[in-house]
Amino acid sequence: MSYGLPIIVAKGDGTQDDLVREANGWQISSDDNDALVKTMRLALSDAGRLRTMGAESYRIVSEEINLEKMVEVLMKALNGLM
């Protein structure tokens, strides 16, 4: 995502739900090779869409979900305890 690329991930523990949205990628079932191939074919069928999705991936990690935001939330929590 930090390279400005759309993503394909396997569904797992739920952490991917914050990162992968329809605007920037696809979630597929784990251990489903057919779903992976189908999704890759779909992704590669529209280069313009891939660029748009990649830009959204980059926006998500640059503005929403990144180390700076994690530190900010942690500091707010710690300051709230004092």
N, C-alpha and C. Protein backbone atom coordinates (compact mmCIF):
# COMPACT_ATOMS: atom_id res chain seq x y z
N MET A 1 0.81 -1.18 0.00
CA MET A 1 0.00 0.00 0.00
C MET A 1 0.86 1.26 0.00
N SER A 2 1.98 1.21 0.71
CA SER A 2 2.85 2.38 0.75
C SER A 2 3.54 2.64 -0.59
N TYR A 3 3.50 1.67 -1.49
CA TYR A 3 4.03 1.86 -2.84
C TYR A 3 2.94 2.31 -3.80
N GLY A 4 1.74 2.57 -3.30
CA GLY A 4 0.66 3.03 -4.14
C GLY A 4 0.08 1.95 -5.02
N LEU A 5 -0.05 0.75 -4.46
CA LEU A 5 -0.58 -0.37 -5.23
C LEU A 5 -1.87 -0.89 -4.61
N PRO A 6 -2.79 -1.38 -5.45
CA PRO A 6 -3.96 -2.06 -4.90
C PRO A 6 -3.53 -3.38 -4.29
N ILE A 7 -4.36 -3.94 -3.44
CA ILE A 7 -3.94 -5.15 -2.74
C ILE A 7 -4.99 -6.25 -2.83
N ILE A 8 -4.52 -7.47 -2.74
CA ILE A 8 -5.35 -8.65 -2.63
C ILE A 8 -4.89 -9.36 -1.37
N VAL A 9 -5.81 -9.60 -0.45
CA VAL A 9 -5.45 -10.29 0.79
C VAL A 9 -6.44 -11.42 1.05
N ALA A 10 -5.97 -12.40 1.81
CA ALA A 10 -6.84 -13.48 2.25
C ALA A 10 -7.51 -13.06 3.56
N LYS A 11 -8.76 -13.41 3.69
CA LYS A 11 -9.48 -13.12 4.93
C LYS A 11 -8.82 -13.89 6.07
N GLY A 12 -8.68 -13.22 7.20
CA GLY A 12 -8.03 -13.86 8.33
C GLY A 12 -8.65 -13.44 9.65
N ASP A 13 -7.84 -12.80 10.46
CA ASP A 13 -8.28 -12.44 11.81
C ASP A 13 -9.09 -11.15 11.87
N GLY A 14 -9.27 -10.48 10.77
CA GLY A 14 -10.07 -9.27 10.74
C GLY A 14 -9.26 -7.98 10.65
N THR A 15 -7.95 -8.06 10.90
CA THR A 15 -7.14 -6.84 10.83
C THR A 15 -7.13 -6.26 9.43
N GLN A 16 -7.30 -7.10 8.43
CA GLN A 16 -7.29 -6.62 7.05
C GLN A 16 -8.53 -5.78 6.75
N ASP A 17 -9.56 -5.88 7.56
CA ASP A 17 -10.78 -5.11 7.30
C ASP A 17 -10.54 -3.60 7.37
N ASP A 18 -9.60 -3.17 8.20
CA ASP A 18 -9.28 -1.75 8.29
C ASP A 18 -8.49 -1.26 7.09
N LEU A 19 -7.75 -2.15 6.47
CA LEU A 19 -6.85 -1.76 5.39
C LEU A 19 -7.43 -1.97 4.00
N VAL A 20 -8.19 -3.02 3.82
CA VAL A 20 -8.67 -3.39 2.48
C VAL A 20 -10.14 -3.05 2.34
N ARG A 21 -10.39 -2.18 1.39
CA ARG A 21 -11.74 -1.72 1.11
C ARG A 21 -12.00 -1.91 -0.38
N GLU A 22 -13.22 -1.80 -0.80
CA GLU A 22 -13.52 -1.94 -2.23
C GLU A 22 -12.76 -0.92 -3.06
N ALA A 23 -12.44 0.23 -2.46
CA ALA A 23 -11.76 1.29 -3.20
C ALA A 23 -10.28 1.02 -3.43
N ASN A 24 -9.70 0.08 -2.68
CA ASN A 24 -8.25 -0.13 -2.83
C ASN A 24 -7.83 -1.59 -2.96
N GLY A 25 -8.75 -2.53 -2.95
CA GLY A 25 -8.32 -3.90 -3.09
C GLY A 25 -9.43 -4.92 -2.95
N TRP A 26 -9.02 -6.15 -2.77
CA TRP A 26 -9.93 -7.28 -2.70
C TRP A 26 -9.55 -8.17 -1.52
N GLN A 27 -10.58 -8.73 -0.87
CA GLN A 27 -10.38 -9.77 0.13
C GLN A 27 -10.93 -11.06 -0.45
N ILE A 28 -10.15 -12.09 -0.36
CA ILE A 28 -10.58 -13.40 -0.88
C ILE A 28 -10.47 -14.41 0.24
N SER A 29 -11.11 -15.54 0.06
CA SER A 29 -11.01 -16.63 1.04
C SER A 29 -9.61 -17.20 1.03
N SER A 30 -9.14 -17.59 2.20
CA SER A 30 -7.81 -18.20 2.26
C SER A 30 -7.86 -19.59 1.64
N ASP A 31 -6.75 -20.02 1.13
CA ASP A 31 -6.61 -21.35 0.50
C ASP A 31 -7.56 -21.55 -0.68
N ASP A 32 -7.88 -20.47 -1.39
CA ASP A 32 -8.75 -20.58 -2.55
C ASP A 32 -8.01 -20.06 -3.77
N ASN A 33 -7.26 -20.95 -4.39
CA ASN A 33 -6.45 -20.56 -5.55
C ASN A 33 -7.30 -20.05 -6.70
N ASP A 34 -8.48 -20.63 -6.88
CA ASP A 34 -9.36 -20.18 -7.96
C ASP A 34 -9.79 -18.73 -7.75
N ALA A 35 -10.10 -18.38 -6.50
CA ALA A 35 -10.49 -16.99 -6.20
C ALA A 35 -9.32 -16.04 -6.44
N LEU A 36 -8.12 -16.48 -6.13
CA LEU A 36 -6.94 -15.64 -6.36
C LEU A 36 -6.74 -15.39 -7.85
N VAL A 37 -6.83 -16.44 -8.65
CA VAL A 37 -6.65 -16.30 -10.10
C VAL A 37 -7.75 -15.41 -10.67
N LYS A 38 -8.99 -15.64 -10.27
CA LYS A 38 -10.12 -14.84 -10.76
C LYS A 38 -9.92 -13.37 -10.39
N THR A 39 -9.50 -13.10 -9.17
CA THR A 39 -9.31 -11.72 -8.72
C THR A 39 -8.15 -11.07 -9.44
N MET A 40 -7.09 -11.80 -9.68
CA MET A 40 -5.96 -11.23 -10.42
C MET A 40 -6.36 -10.90 -11.85
N ARG A 41 -7.14 -11.77 -12.47
CA ARG A 41 -7.61 -11.49 -13.84
C ARG A 41 -8.49 -10.24 -13.86
N LEU A 42 -9.37 -10.15 -12.87
CA LEU A 42 -10.23 -8.97 -12.77
C LEU A 42 -9.38 -7.71 -12.57
N ALA A 43 -8.41 -7.78 -11.68
CA ALA A 43 -7.55 -6.63 -11.40
C ALA A 43 -6.79 -6.19 -12.64
N LEU A 44 -6.25 -7.13 -13.37
CA LEU A 44 -5.42 -6.81 -14.53
C LEU A 44 -6.23 -6.41 -15.76
N SER A 45 -7.54 -6.54 -15.68
CA SER A 45 -8.38 -6.22 -16.84
C SER A 45 -8.63 -4.71 -17.00
N ASP A 46 -8.28 -3.91 -16.00
CA ASP A 46 -8.57 -2.48 -16.06
C ASP A 46 -7.43 -1.70 -15.42
N ALA A 47 -6.48 -1.27 -16.23
CA ALA A 47 -5.30 -0.57 -15.72
C ALA A 47 -5.66 0.76 -15.05
N GLY A 48 -6.64 1.45 -15.57
CA GLY A 48 -7.06 2.72 -14.96
C GLY A 48 -7.59 2.52 -13.56
N ARG A 49 -8.40 1.48 -13.41
CA ARG A 49 -8.94 1.16 -12.08
C ARG A 49 -7.81 0.80 -11.12
N LEU A 50 -6.83 0.06 -11.59
CA LEU A 50 -5.69 -0.30 -10.73
C LEU A 50 -4.96 0.94 -10.23
N ARG A 51 -4.76 1.91 -11.11
CA ARG A 51 -4.09 3.15 -10.69
C ARG A 51 -4.90 3.89 -9.63
N THR A 52 -6.21 3.96 -9.84
CA THR A 52 -7.09 4.63 -8.87
C THR A 52 -7.06 3.91 -7.53
N MET A 53 -7.12 2.59 -7.58
CA MET A 53 -7.09 1.80 -6.34
C MET A 53 -5.75 1.94 -5.65
N GLY A 54 -4.68 1.97 -6.42
CA GLY A 54 -3.36 2.16 -5.83
C GLY A 54 -3.23 3.50 -5.15
N ALA A 55 -3.78 4.53 -5.75
CA ALA A 55 -3.75 5.86 -5.14
C ALA A 55 -4.52 5.86 -3.82
N GLU A 56 -5.63 5.13 -3.77
CA GLU A 56 -6.41 5.04 -2.54
C GLU A 56 -5.64 4.26 -1.47
N SER A 57 -4.93 3.20 -1.87
CA SER A 57 -4.09 2.47 -0.91
C SER A 57 -3.07 3.40 -0.27
N TYR A 58 -2.42 4.19 -1.11
CA TYR A 58 -1.42 5.12 -0.59
C TYR A 58 -2.06 6.15 0.33
N ARG A 59 -3.22 6.66 -0.04
CA ARG A 59 -3.89 7.64 0.81
C ARG A 59 -4.22 7.05 2.17
N ILE A 60 -4.68 5.82 2.20
CA ILE A 60 -5.04 5.17 3.46
C ILE A 60 -3.84 5.10 4.39
N VAL A 61 -2.69 4.65 3.88
CA VAL A 61 -1.53 4.52 4.77
C VAL A 61 -0.86 5.85 5.06
N SER A 62 -1.04 6.84 4.21
CA SER A 62 -0.40 8.12 4.48
C SER A 62 -1.25 8.99 5.40
N GLU A 63 -2.58 8.82 5.37
CA GLU A 63 -3.44 9.69 6.15
C GLU A 63 -4.15 9.01 7.31
N GLU A 64 -4.44 7.72 7.20
CA GLU A 64 -5.29 7.07 8.19
C GLU A 64 -4.58 6.06 9.09
N ILE A 65 -3.91 5.13 8.48
CA ILE A 65 -3.36 3.99 9.23
C ILE A 65 -1.86 3.96 9.02
N ASN A 66 -1.13 4.53 9.99
CA ASN A 66 0.32 4.59 9.88
C ASN A 66 0.93 4.72 11.27
N LEU A 67 2.21 4.66 11.34
CA LEU A 67 2.90 4.69 12.63
C LEU A 67 2.63 5.99 13.38
N GLU A 68 2.61 7.11 12.68
CA GLU A 68 2.37 8.39 13.34
C GLU A 68 1.00 8.42 14.01
N LYS A 69 -0.01 7.91 13.33
CA LYS A 69 -1.36 7.86 13.91
C LYS A 69 -1.41 6.93 15.11
N MET A 70 -0.69 5.80 15.03
CA MET A 70 -0.66 4.87 16.15
C MET A 70 -0.03 5.52 17.38
N VAL A 71 1.06 6.24 17.18
CA VAL A 71 1.72 6.93 18.29
C VAL A 71 0.80 8.00 18.85
N GLU A 72 0.13 8.74 17.98
CA GLU A 72 -0.79 9.79 18.42
C GLU A 72 -1.89 9.23 19.33
N VAL A 73 -2.47 8.11 18.93
CA VAL A 73 -3.53 7.49 19.73
C VAL A 73 -2.97 6.98 21.06
N LEU A 74 -1.78 6.39 21.02
CA LEU A 74 -1.16 5.89 22.25
C LEU A 74 -0.87 7.05 23.21
N MET A 75 -0.34 8.15 22.69
CA MET A 75 -0.04 9.30 23.55
C MET A 75 -1.31 9.88 24.16
N LYS A 76 -2.38 9.95 23.41
CA LYS A 76 -3.66 10.43 23.95
C LYS A 76 -4.14 9.53 25.07
N ALA A 77 -4.00 8.23 24.88
CA ALA A 77 -4.42 7.28 25.90
C ALA A 77 -3.57 7.43 27.16
N LEU A 78 -2.26 7.55 26.98
CA LEU A 78 -1.37 7.71 28.14
C LEU A 78 -1.63 9.03 28.87
N ASN A 79 -1.81 10.10 28.11
CA ASN A 79 -2.09 11.40 28.72
C ASN A 79 -3.43 11.38 29.44
N GLY A 80 -4.36 10.61 28.98
CA GLY A 80 -5.65 10.49 29.64
C GLY A 80 -5.56 9.78 30.98
N LEU A 81 -4.54 8.97 31.16
CA LEU A 81 -4.35 8.27 32.42
C LEU A 81 -3.72 9.13 33.50
N MET A 82 -3.07 10.20 33.08
CA MET A 82 -2.35 11.05 34.03
C MET A 82 -3.24 12.09 34.64
